[in-house]
Amino acid sequence: MAPVDTITGQYGSIAELSHELSSLAWPADFRQLDCGTGQAGFEALMTDDAIVQGIFLERRTQQFFCAPEGLQSYGLPSGRVAFTSVPKQPAKPNDLLLRMEAGSGVEAISEPGFSAFTLSFGKHRISELAENLGLPDPGGTKDSRGLELFNDPILLSPLRATLCQLFESRRDEKLSYAGKSALHETIKSEIPAMLLVATSASQPKNRPSLRNRERVLKRALEFIKEHPQEALSVERLCVASASSMSTLERAFLDRYSMSPKRYTLVKRLHHVHKALLRQAETGKVAIYEVANDWGFWHMGKFAADYKKLFGYLPSQTAKSEQKK
């Protein structure tokens, strides 16, 4: 497992942040446009072929930046921002995704309180994922402006939530080895897969036949059964079932009215529930260990998912059984 390196910085001015970012992989020149002092900061998670970064700008800012060479890059802004090379833009910035060509310069004007995620991945990894998932390879297309915009709130909302969870989990001092492995897998596979789906959503797709979906579902379920304790990525399920992501999603939606990712999550939560009930009978309950055993590495997110499914917290499961 390759390590996930972290770089963070909090600054008293946008100029200080701009100077720091320019020394990293993202060349940037940020200029404050309004008057007054203002905070700025960033946090970056880096692997050998990926950079996932969050930035915050308190003041109105003119931004000049270039996507890193050799990487496929994306931007996910929160807050009002206008790109000078795109005259007609979607009105809701929180539903906006940018795809940027490597080395292309972009100019934007962001309003106060602006934040964003910037995401860069090795082009070979993106191409490999696109092939595995049966999606178009963005490396095969060129936009004359070096900037392409996508607007799909249904797909971008879970992407944003996954990124927020990623940074929150990184700060967990009790993160186990399995948790660190899952953190790396999220950066390596889950996030770029979600980006590929979001940017290819406008492409016309042929609806797979019912018989084909049944075959795909059967192979996926067999693979899930063989790996019950793993938080399987959609990419691994696609490879295991020899299907595209769209076919796999449709197969699970038809059968279970939920995505394959949700299905695997629910199954693992039920395994944890049963394990906690068994432990409660002995009077020795180790919720953290049980959660880790079944691929849950962020306890806050695990507890929230558990309560959402069962209606009560893991600790309440153990206590209710002990009272009987």
Protein backbone atom coordinates (compact mmCIF):
# COMPACT_ATOMS: atom_id res chain seq x y z
CA MET A 1 0.00 0.00 0.00
CA ALA A 2 1.44 3.35 -1.06
CA PRO A 3 1.39 6.05 1.66
CA VAL A 4 -0.96 9.03 1.63
CA ASP A 5 1.07 12.17 2.38
CA THR A 6 -0.62 15.25 3.82
CA ILE A 7 0.32 18.91 3.41
CA THR A 8 -1.68 21.67 5.11
CA GLY A 9 -1.39 25.41 5.46
CA GLN A 10 -3.33 28.31 7.03
CA TYR A 11 -2.40 31.87 6.02
CA GLY A 12 -3.31 35.42 6.93
CA SER A 13 -3.56 36.51 3.31
CA ILE A 14 -4.36 35.16 -0.13
CA ALA A 15 -0.92 36.25 -1.37
CA GLU A 16 0.77 33.90 1.13
CA LEU A 17 -1.41 31.00 0.00
CA SER A 18 -0.69 31.77 -3.65
CA HIS A 19 3.04 31.66 -3.01
CA GLU A 20 2.78 28.29 -1.26
CA LEU A 21 0.58 26.70 -3.94
CA SER A 22 3.01 27.78 -6.65
CA SER A 23 5.73 25.74 -4.97
CA LEU A 24 3.56 22.61 -5.19
CA ALA A 25 2.20 20.77 -8.23
CA TRP A 26 -0.55 23.34 -8.97
CA PRO A 27 0.99 26.58 -10.41
CA ALA A 28 -1.23 29.42 -9.15
CA ASP A 29 -1.39 33.21 -8.94
CA PHE A 30 -4.19 34.45 -6.65
CA ARG A 31 -4.89 38.18 -6.27
CA GLN A 32 -7.22 39.68 -3.69
CA LEU A 33 -9.72 42.10 -5.29
CA ASP A 34 -11.62 43.55 -2.32
CA CYS A 35 -10.35 45.42 0.73
CA GLY A 36 -9.54 44.05 4.18
CA THR A 37 -7.68 41.21 5.80
CA GLY A 38 -8.77 37.67 5.08
CA GLN A 39 -7.82 34.10 5.83
CA ALA A 40 -6.84 31.51 3.22
CA GLY A 41 -5.82 27.89 3.51
CA PHE A 42 -5.41 24.54 1.85
CA GLU A 43 -5.09 20.86 2.64
CA ALA A 44 -3.68 18.33 0.19
CA LEU A 45 -3.66 14.52 0.19
CA MET A 46 -1.02 13.07 -2.13
CA THR A 47 -0.12 9.59 -3.37
CA ASP A 48 2.37 8.56 -6.03
CA ASP A 49 -0.06 9.47 -8.85
CA ALA A 50 -2.82 11.57 -7.30
CA ILE A 51 -3.33 14.97 -5.65
CA VAL A 52 -6.62 15.67 -3.86
CA GLN A 53 -6.73 19.19 -2.50
CA GLY A 54 -9.14 21.50 -0.71
CA ILE A 55 -8.73 25.30 -0.64
CA PHE A 56 -10.53 28.19 1.07
CA LEU A 57 -10.44 31.90 0.19
CA GLU A 58 -12.14 34.39 2.50
CA ARG A 59 -11.86 37.40 0.16
CA ARG A 60 -12.97 38.09 -3.44
CA THR A 61 -10.15 36.76 -5.58
CA GLN A 62 -8.86 36.78 -9.13
CA GLN A 63 -7.47 33.31 -9.74
CA PHE A 64 -4.95 32.25 -12.36
CA PHE A 65 -3.98 28.59 -12.23
CA CYS A 66 -2.69 25.78 -14.42
CA ALA A 67 -3.58 22.10 -14.27
CA PRO A 68 -0.47 20.00 -13.47
CA GLU A 69 1.40 18.44 -16.37
CA GLY A 70 1.00 14.69 -16.87
CA LEU A 71 -2.21 14.49 -14.82
CA GLN A 72 -5.94 14.55 -15.60
CA SER A 73 -7.38 17.32 -13.43
CA TYR A 74 -10.80 18.36 -12.17
CA GLY A 75 -12.25 21.12 -10.00
CA LEU A 76 -15.32 21.08 -7.77
CA PRO A 77 -16.13 24.62 -6.52
CA SER A 78 -18.40 25.70 -3.66
CA GLY A 79 -19.51 29.31 -3.78
CA ARG A 80 -19.96 31.78 -6.60
CA VAL A 81 -17.23 31.80 -9.24
CA ALA A 82 -17.04 32.90 -12.89
CA PHE A 83 -14.58 31.60 -15.51
CA THR A 84 -13.48 34.22 -18.00
CA SER A 85 -13.21 31.77 -20.92
CA VAL A 86 -16.76 30.45 -20.45
CA PRO A 87 -19.36 33.20 -21.04
CA LYS A 88 -22.46 31.05 -20.43
CA GLN A 89 -22.05 29.10 -17.21
CA PRO A 90 -24.46 27.12 -15.01
CA ALA A 91 -26.05 29.40 -12.40
CA LYS A 92 -25.53 27.08 -9.43
CA PRO A 93 -21.79 26.75 -8.66
CA ASN A 94 -22.27 23.96 -6.11
CA ASP A 95 -23.47 21.73 -8.95
CA LEU A 96 -20.49 22.52 -11.16
CA LEU A 97 -17.59 20.26 -12.13
CA LEU A 98 -14.61 21.34 -14.23
CA ARG A 99 -12.37 19.12 -16.31
CA MET A 100 -9.04 20.77 -17.19
CA GLU A 101 -6.43 19.78 -19.74
CA ALA A 102 -2.91 19.37 -18.35
CA GLY A 103 -0.90 22.58 -18.62
CA SER A 104 -3.92 24.69 -19.59
CA GLY A 105 -4.21 28.07 -17.89
CA VAL A 106 -7.54 29.09 -16.37
CA GLU A 107 -8.71 32.48 -15.06
CA ALA A 108 -11.61 32.82 -12.63
CA ILE A 109 -13.15 35.40 -10.31
CA SER A 110 -14.38 33.95 -7.01
CA GLU A 111 -16.62 35.70 -4.50
CA PRO A 112 -15.90 35.93 -0.72
CA GLY A 113 -16.07 32.67 1.22
CA PHE A 114 -15.10 30.57 -1.79
CA SER A 115 -13.87 26.99 -1.36
CA ALA A 116 -13.11 24.21 -3.79
CA PHE A 117 -11.66 20.76 -4.28
CA THR A 118 -9.02 20.23 -6.97
CA LEU A 119 -8.43 16.65 -8.07
CA SER A 120 -5.57 15.36 -10.21
CA PHE A 121 -4.86 11.76 -11.20
CA GLY A 122 -2.34 9.98 -13.39
CA LYS A 123 -3.66 9.79 -16.94
CA HIS A 124 -2.82 6.09 -17.17
CA ARG A 125 -4.96 5.44 -14.08
CA ILE A 126 -7.91 7.36 -15.49
CA SER A 127 -7.63 5.50 -18.82
CA GLU A 128 -7.45 2.15 -17.01
CA LEU A 129 -10.51 2.98 -14.90
CA ALA A 130 -12.46 4.19 -17.93
CA GLU A 131 -11.76 0.92 -19.73
CA ASN A 132 -12.70 -1.19 -16.69
CA LEU A 133 -15.93 0.73 -16.17
CA GLY A 134 -16.90 0.88 -19.83
CA LEU A 135 -16.82 4.70 -19.86
CA PRO A 136 -15.26 7.21 -22.29
CA ASP A 137 -11.60 8.01 -21.69
CA PRO A 138 -11.25 11.79 -21.13
CA GLY A 139 -7.66 11.54 -22.35
CA GLY A 140 -9.02 10.88 -25.83
CA THR A 141 -10.83 14.23 -26.06
CA LYS A 142 -9.43 17.73 -26.32
CA ASP A 143 -11.27 20.92 -25.45
CA SER A 144 -9.99 23.96 -27.32
CA ARG A 145 -10.27 26.16 -24.24
CA GLY A 146 -8.60 23.65 -21.96
CA LEU A 147 -11.68 23.81 -19.72
CA GLU A 148 -14.91 21.81 -19.83
CA LEU A 149 -17.87 22.27 -17.48
CA PHE A 150 -20.38 19.66 -16.29
CA ASN A 151 -23.56 20.29 -14.34
CA ASP A 152 -25.29 17.33 -12.69
CA PRO A 153 -26.31 17.81 -9.01
CA ILE A 154 -27.49 14.21 -8.65
CA LEU A 155 -24.00 12.87 -9.37
CA LEU A 156 -21.92 15.71 -7.90
CA SER A 157 -23.59 15.71 -4.47
CA PRO A 158 -22.28 12.22 -3.48
CA LEU A 159 -18.86 13.11 -4.94
CA ARG A 160 -18.68 16.19 -2.73
CA ALA A 161 -19.82 14.16 0.31
CA THR A 162 -17.15 11.52 -0.36
CA LEU A 163 -14.44 14.20 -0.53
CA CYS A 164 -15.59 15.78 2.74
CA GLN A 165 -15.57 12.36 4.39
CA LEU A 166 -12.10 11.67 2.97
CA PHE A 167 -10.56 14.75 4.61
CA GLU A 168 -12.44 14.14 7.86
CA SER A 169 -11.19 10.55 8.00
CA ARG A 170 -7.63 11.62 7.33
CA ARG A 171 -7.69 13.61 10.57
CA ASP A 172 -8.72 10.56 12.63
CA GLU A 173 -5.71 9.85 14.86
CA LYS A 174 -6.98 6.31 15.59
CA LEU A 175 -7.05 5.31 11.93
CA SER A 176 -6.01 1.66 11.67
CA TYR A 177 -3.92 0.04 8.95
CA ALA A 178 -7.12 -1.15 7.30
CA GLY A 179 -8.44 2.40 7.51
CA LYS A 180 -5.33 3.81 5.86
CA SER A 181 -5.65 1.19 3.13
CA ALA A 182 -9.26 2.20 2.55
CA LEU A 183 -8.22 5.86 2.49
CA HIS A 184 -5.73 5.09 -0.27
CA GLU A 185 -8.33 3.05 -2.18
CA THR A 186 -10.79 5.95 -2.01
CA ILE A 187 -8.23 8.26 -3.61
CA LYS A 188 -6.99 5.69 -6.10
CA SER A 189 -10.29 4.28 -7.35
CA GLU A 190 -13.52 5.56 -5.83
CA ILE A 191 -13.12 9.29 -6.45
CA PRO A 192 -11.78 9.03 -10.04
CA ALA A 193 -14.54 6.53 -10.85
CA MET A 194 -17.17 9.00 -9.61
CA LEU A 195 -15.56 11.72 -11.73
CA LEU A 196 -15.68 9.53 -14.83
CA VAL A 197 -19.35 8.76 -14.26
CA ALA A 198 -20.18 12.45 -13.72
CA THR A 199 -18.38 13.60 -16.87
CA SER A 200 -19.79 10.82 -19.05
CA ALA A 201 -23.39 11.12 -17.82
CA SER A 202 -24.40 13.16 -20.85
CA GLN A 203 -23.19 10.46 -23.24
CA PRO A 204 -25.98 8.34 -24.80
CA LYS A 205 -26.05 4.81 -23.44
CA ASN A 206 -27.81 1.68 -24.65
CA ARG A 207 -29.89 0.03 -21.96
CA PRO A 208 -28.48 -3.46 -21.32
CA SER A 209 -30.77 -6.44 -21.81
CA LEU A 210 -32.48 -8.07 -18.84
CA ARG A 211 -30.63 -11.37 -19.39
CA ASN A 212 -27.27 -9.61 -19.47
CA ARG A 213 -28.08 -7.70 -16.27
CA GLU A 214 -29.00 -10.96 -14.54
CA ARG A 215 -25.65 -12.49 -15.49
CA VAL A 216 -23.80 -9.41 -14.27
CA LEU A 217 -25.73 -9.39 -10.98
CA LYS A 218 -25.01 -13.07 -10.36
CA ARG A 219 -21.25 -12.61 -10.87
CA ALA A 220 -21.20 -9.52 -8.66
CA LEU A 221 -23.11 -11.22 -5.84
CA GLU A 222 -20.76 -14.19 -5.95
CA PHE A 223 -17.76 -11.86 -5.67
CA ILE A 224 -19.36 -10.00 -2.74
CA LYS A 225 -19.99 -13.33 -1.01
CA GLU A 226 -16.33 -14.30 -1.48
CA HIS A 227 -15.15 -10.99 0.06
CA PRO A 228 -17.72 -10.31 2.80
CA GLN A 229 -15.48 -8.19 5.04
CA GLU A 230 -14.14 -5.82 2.38
CA ALA A 231 -15.47 -2.39 1.46
CA LEU A 232 -15.48 -3.27 -2.23
CA SER A 233 -15.14 -0.45 -4.74
CA VAL A 234 -17.52 -0.29 -7.69
CA GLU A 235 -14.50 -0.68 -9.95
CA ARG A 236 -13.61 -4.06 -8.42
CA LEU A 237 -17.21 -5.21 -8.81
CA CYS A 238 -17.22 -4.13 -12.45
CA VAL A 239 -14.03 -6.07 -13.13
CA ALA A 240 -15.29 -9.12 -11.22
CA SER A 241 -18.62 -9.11 -13.05
CA ALA A 242 -17.07 -8.21 -16.43
CA SER A 243 -19.50 -5.32 -16.85
CA SER A 244 -19.65 -1.58 -17.25
CA MET A 245 -20.64 0.61 -14.33
CA SER A 246 -23.95 1.56 -15.96
CA THR A 247 -24.91 -2.11 -16.44
CA LEU A 248 -23.92 -3.00 -12.87
CA GLU A 249 -25.84 -0.04 -11.43
CA ARG A 250 -28.96 -0.93 -13.43
CA ALA A 251 -28.75 -4.58 -12.35
CA PHE A 252 -28.71 -3.68 -8.64
CA LEU A 253 -31.35 -1.00 -9.00
CA ASP A 254 -33.68 -3.46 -10.76
CA ARG A 255 -33.25 -6.13 -8.08
CA TYR A 256 -32.69 -4.21 -4.83
CA SER A 257 -33.62 -0.58 -5.62
CA MET A 258 -30.16 0.49 -4.45
CA SER A 259 -26.70 0.96 -5.91
CA PRO A 260 -24.06 -1.80 -5.63
CA LYS A 261 -22.07 0.38 -3.22
CA ARG A 262 -25.10 0.80 -0.97
CA TYR A 263 -25.85 -2.91 -1.16
CA THR A 264 -22.36 -3.91 0.03
CA LEU A 265 -22.55 -1.31 2.81
CA VAL A 266 -25.88 -2.67 4.07
CA LYS A 267 -24.59 -6.26 4.05
CA ARG A 268 -21.52 -5.35 6.11
CA LEU A 269 -23.62 -3.37 8.57
CA HIS A 270 -25.82 -6.44 9.12
CA HIS A 271 -22.71 -8.54 9.78
CA VAL A 272 -21.59 -5.99 12.40
CA HIS A 273 -25.06 -6.02 13.96
CA LYS A 274 -24.99 -9.80 14.34
CA ALA A 275 -21.45 -9.75 15.72
CA LEU A 276 -22.37 -7.15 18.34
CA LEU A 277 -25.37 -9.17 19.43
CA ARG A 278 -23.17 -12.25 19.87
CA GLN A 279 -20.59 -10.28 21.86
CA ALA A 280 -23.27 -8.74 24.07
CA GLU A 281 -24.30 -12.21 25.19
CA THR A 282 -20.78 -12.72 26.58
CA GLY A 283 -20.68 -9.29 28.22
CA LYS A 284 -17.53 -8.29 26.31
CA VAL A 285 -18.29 -5.85 23.52
CA ALA A 286 -15.56 -4.26 21.34
CA ILE A 287 -17.40 -2.08 18.83
CA TYR A 288 -14.25 -0.56 17.32
CA GLU A 289 -12.69 -3.98 16.66
CA VAL A 290 -15.88 -5.41 15.16
CA ALA A 291 -16.29 -2.39 12.89
CA ASN A 292 -12.70 -2.72 11.69
CA ASP A 293 -13.17 -6.44 11.07
CA TRP A 294 -15.95 -5.62 8.59
CA GLY A 295 -14.15 -2.84 6.74
CA PHE A 296 -15.39 0.22 8.66
CA TRP A 297 -12.46 2.50 9.40
CA HIS A 298 -14.06 5.83 10.27
CA MET A 299 -16.06 5.39 13.44
CA GLY A 300 -18.13 8.56 13.13
CA LYS A 301 -19.29 7.66 9.62
CA PHE A 302 -19.82 4.03 10.65
CA ALA A 303 -22.02 5.01 13.61
CA ALA A 304 -24.07 7.36 11.41
CA ASP A 305 -24.59 4.68 8.73
CA TYR A 306 -25.46 2.11 11.39
CA LYS A 307 -28.06 4.36 13.03
CA LYS A 308 -29.54 5.30 9.67
CA LEU A 309 -30.10 1.62 8.84
CA PHE A 310 -31.17 0.22 12.23
CA GLY A 311 -32.55 3.29 13.97
CA TYR A 312 -30.11 3.19 16.91
CA LEU A 313 -26.38 3.38 17.57
CA PRO A 314 -24.01 0.37 17.77
CA SER A 315 -23.58 0.95 21.51
CA GLN A 316 -27.35 0.72 21.98
CA THR A 317 -27.39 -2.66 20.21
CA ALA A 318 -25.01 -4.08 22.77
CA LYS A 319 -26.78 -2.55 25.77
CA SER A 320 -30.26 -3.69 24.71
CA GLU A 321 -29.04 -7.27 24.36
CA GLN A 322 -27.27 -7.22 27.74
CA LYS A 323 -30.48 -6.10 29.50
CA LYS A 324 -32.39 -9.20 28.39
